[in-house]
C-alpha atoms as a PDB file:
ATOM      1  CA  MET A   1     -22.736 -20.204   6.666  1.00  0.00           C
ATOM      2  CA  CYS A   2     -24.040 -22.912   4.378  1.00  0.00           C
ATOM      3  CA  LEU A   3     -23.984 -22.603   0.604  1.00  0.00           C
ATOM      4  CA  ALA A   4     -26.632 -24.551  -1.246  1.00  0.00           C
ATOM      5  CA  VAL A   5     -25.603 -25.721  -4.703  1.00  0.00           C
ATOM      6  CA  PRO A   6     -28.021 -27.896  -6.607  1.00  0.00           C
ATOM      7  CA  GLY A   7     -26.912 -31.242  -7.946  1.00  0.00           C
ATOM      8  CA  LYS A   8     -28.533 -33.764 -10.271  1.00  0.00           C
ATOM      9  CA  VAL A   9     -29.276 -37.307  -9.075  1.00  0.00           C
ATOM     10  CA  VAL A  10     -27.579 -39.627 -11.564  1.00  0.00           C
ATOM     11  CA  GLU A  11     -27.724 -42.939  -9.721  1.00  0.00           C
ATOM     12  CA  ILE A  12     -29.742 -44.464  -6.884  1.00  0.00           C
ATOM     13  CA  LYS A  13     -28.948 -47.555  -4.770  1.00  0.00           C
ATOM     14  CA  GLU A  14     -31.600 -47.933  -2.085  1.00  0.00           C
ATOM     15  CA  LYS A  15     -31.206 -44.825   0.118  1.00  0.00           C
ATOM     16  CA  ILE A  16     -27.843 -43.717  -1.299  1.00  0.00           C
ATOM     17  CA  GLY A  17     -27.671 -41.639  -4.438  1.00  0.00           C
ATOM     18  CA  VAL A  18     -24.887 -40.323  -6.602  1.00  0.00           C
ATOM     19  CA  VAL A  19     -25.340 -36.606  -7.232  1.00  0.00           C
ATOM     20  CA  ASP A  20     -23.516 -34.705  -9.989  1.00  0.00           C
ATOM     21  CA  PHE A  21     -22.488 -31.188  -8.943  1.00  0.00           C
ATOM     22  CA  SER A  22     -21.381 -29.768 -12.329  1.00  0.00           C
ATOM     23  CA  GLY A  23     -19.062 -32.691 -13.023  1.00  0.00           C
ATOM     24  CA  ILE A  24     -18.126 -33.574  -9.444  1.00  0.00           C
ATOM     25  CA  LYS A  25     -20.000 -36.676  -8.309  1.00  0.00           C
ATOM     26  CA  ARG A  26     -20.632 -37.461  -4.651  1.00  0.00           C
ATOM     27  CA  GLU A  27     -22.592 -40.091  -2.778  1.00  0.00           C
ATOM     28  CA  VAL A  28     -25.378 -38.644  -0.650  1.00  0.00           C
ATOM     29  CA  ARG A  29     -28.086 -40.052   1.620  1.00  0.00           C
ATOM     30  CA  LEU A  30     -31.625 -39.887   0.260  1.00  0.00           C
ATOM     31  CA  ASP A  31     -33.499 -40.674   3.496  1.00  0.00           C
ATOM     32  CA  LEU A  32     -35.165 -37.259   3.690  1.00  0.00           C
ATOM     33  CA  VAL A  33     -36.458 -36.852   0.128  1.00  0.00           C
ATOM     34  CA  ASP A  34     -38.374 -38.839  -2.444  1.00  0.00           C
ATOM     35  CA  VAL A  35     -36.435 -38.514  -5.677  1.00  0.00           C
ATOM     36  CA  LYS A  36     -35.727 -40.318  -8.914  1.00  0.00           C
ATOM     37  CA  ILE A  37     -32.825 -40.231 -11.338  1.00  0.00           C
ATOM     38  CA  GLY A  38     -32.746 -36.874 -13.107  1.00  0.00           C
ATOM     39  CA  ASP A  39     -34.151 -34.881 -10.179  1.00  0.00           C
ATOM     40  CA  TYR A  40     -32.212 -31.968  -8.703  1.00  0.00           C
ATOM     41  CA  VAL A  41     -31.557 -31.769  -4.974  1.00  0.00           C
ATOM     42  CA  ILE A  42     -29.945 -29.539  -2.381  1.00  0.00           C
ATOM     43  CA  VAL A  43     -27.436 -31.400  -0.195  1.00  0.00           C
ATOM     44  CA  HIS A  44     -26.318 -30.518   3.317  1.00  0.00           C
ATOM     45  CA  THR A  45     -23.802 -32.564   5.343  1.00  0.00           C
ATOM     46  CA  GLY A  46     -24.177 -35.537   3.027  1.00  0.00           C
ATOM     47  CA  PHE A  47     -27.986 -35.637   3.010  1.00  0.00           C
ATOM     48  CA  ALA A  48     -30.271 -34.524   0.201  1.00  0.00           C
ATOM     49  CA  ILE A  49     -32.567 -32.170   2.141  1.00  0.00           C
ATOM     50  CA  GLU A  50     -34.801 -30.814  -0.574  1.00  0.00           C
ATOM     51  CA  LYS A  51     -35.883 -31.640  -4.105  1.00  0.00           C
ATOM     52  CA  MET A  52     -35.501 -28.683  -6.452  1.00  0.00           C
ATOM     53  CA  ASP A  53     -37.440 -27.716  -9.555  1.00  0.00           C
ATOM     54  CA  GLU A  54     -35.238 -28.273 -12.663  1.00  0.00           C
ATOM     55  CA  LYS A  55     -35.824 -24.740 -13.992  1.00  0.00           C
ATOM     56  CA  ASP A  56     -34.777 -23.174 -10.688  1.00  0.00           C
ATOM     57  CA  ALA A  57     -31.814 -25.533 -10.372  1.00  0.00           C
ATOM     58  CA  LEU A  58     -30.528 -24.640 -13.849  1.00  0.00           C
ATOM     59  CA  GLU A  59     -30.946 -20.903 -13.158  1.00  0.00           C
ATOM     60  CA  SER A  60     -29.035 -21.316  -9.898  1.00  0.00           C
ATOM     61  CA  LEU A  61     -26.242 -23.215 -11.639  1.00  0.00           C
ATOM     62  CA  GLU A  62     -25.908 -20.422 -14.240  1.00  0.00           C
ATOM     63  CA  ILE A  63     -25.577 -17.849 -11.450  1.00  0.00           C
ATOM     64  CA  TRP A  64     -22.884 -19.987  -9.789  1.00  0.00           C
ATOM     65  CA  LYS A  65     -20.984 -20.170 -13.100  1.00  0.00           C
ATOM     66  CA  GLU A  66     -21.104 -16.380 -13.366  1.00  0.00           C
ATOM     67  CA  ILE A  67     -19.850 -15.967  -9.798  1.00  0.00           C
ATOM     68  CA  LEU A  68     -16.973 -18.394 -10.374  1.00  0.00           C
ATOM     69  CA  LYS A  69     -16.067 -16.639 -13.646  1.00  0.00           C
ATOM     70  CA  ILE A  70     -15.946 -13.272 -11.856  1.00  0.00           C
ATOM     71  CA  GLN A  71     -13.715 -14.743  -9.157  1.00  0.00           C
ATOM     72  CA  GLU A  72     -11.348 -16.226 -11.747  1.00  0.00           C
ATOM     73  CA  ASP A  73     -11.055 -12.843 -13.502  1.00  0.00           C
ATOM     74  CA  TYR A  74     -10.512 -10.993 -10.237  1.00  0.00           C
END
């Protein structure tokens, strides 16, 4: 199973970007998408595979926060 968590592109160097996943920053390949700094992406196996609408990305991140909170309380 693959979980898709959106991340925000915060830096771009040619075809490598730095994506912020709620405070955790990772380098990802940008070969498959056309993005700019500030865009949200879905990453799989180190590649950004899809650009995501900011509204949808923020909604998804809120749901993830709720899930993590429930798990912490459990």
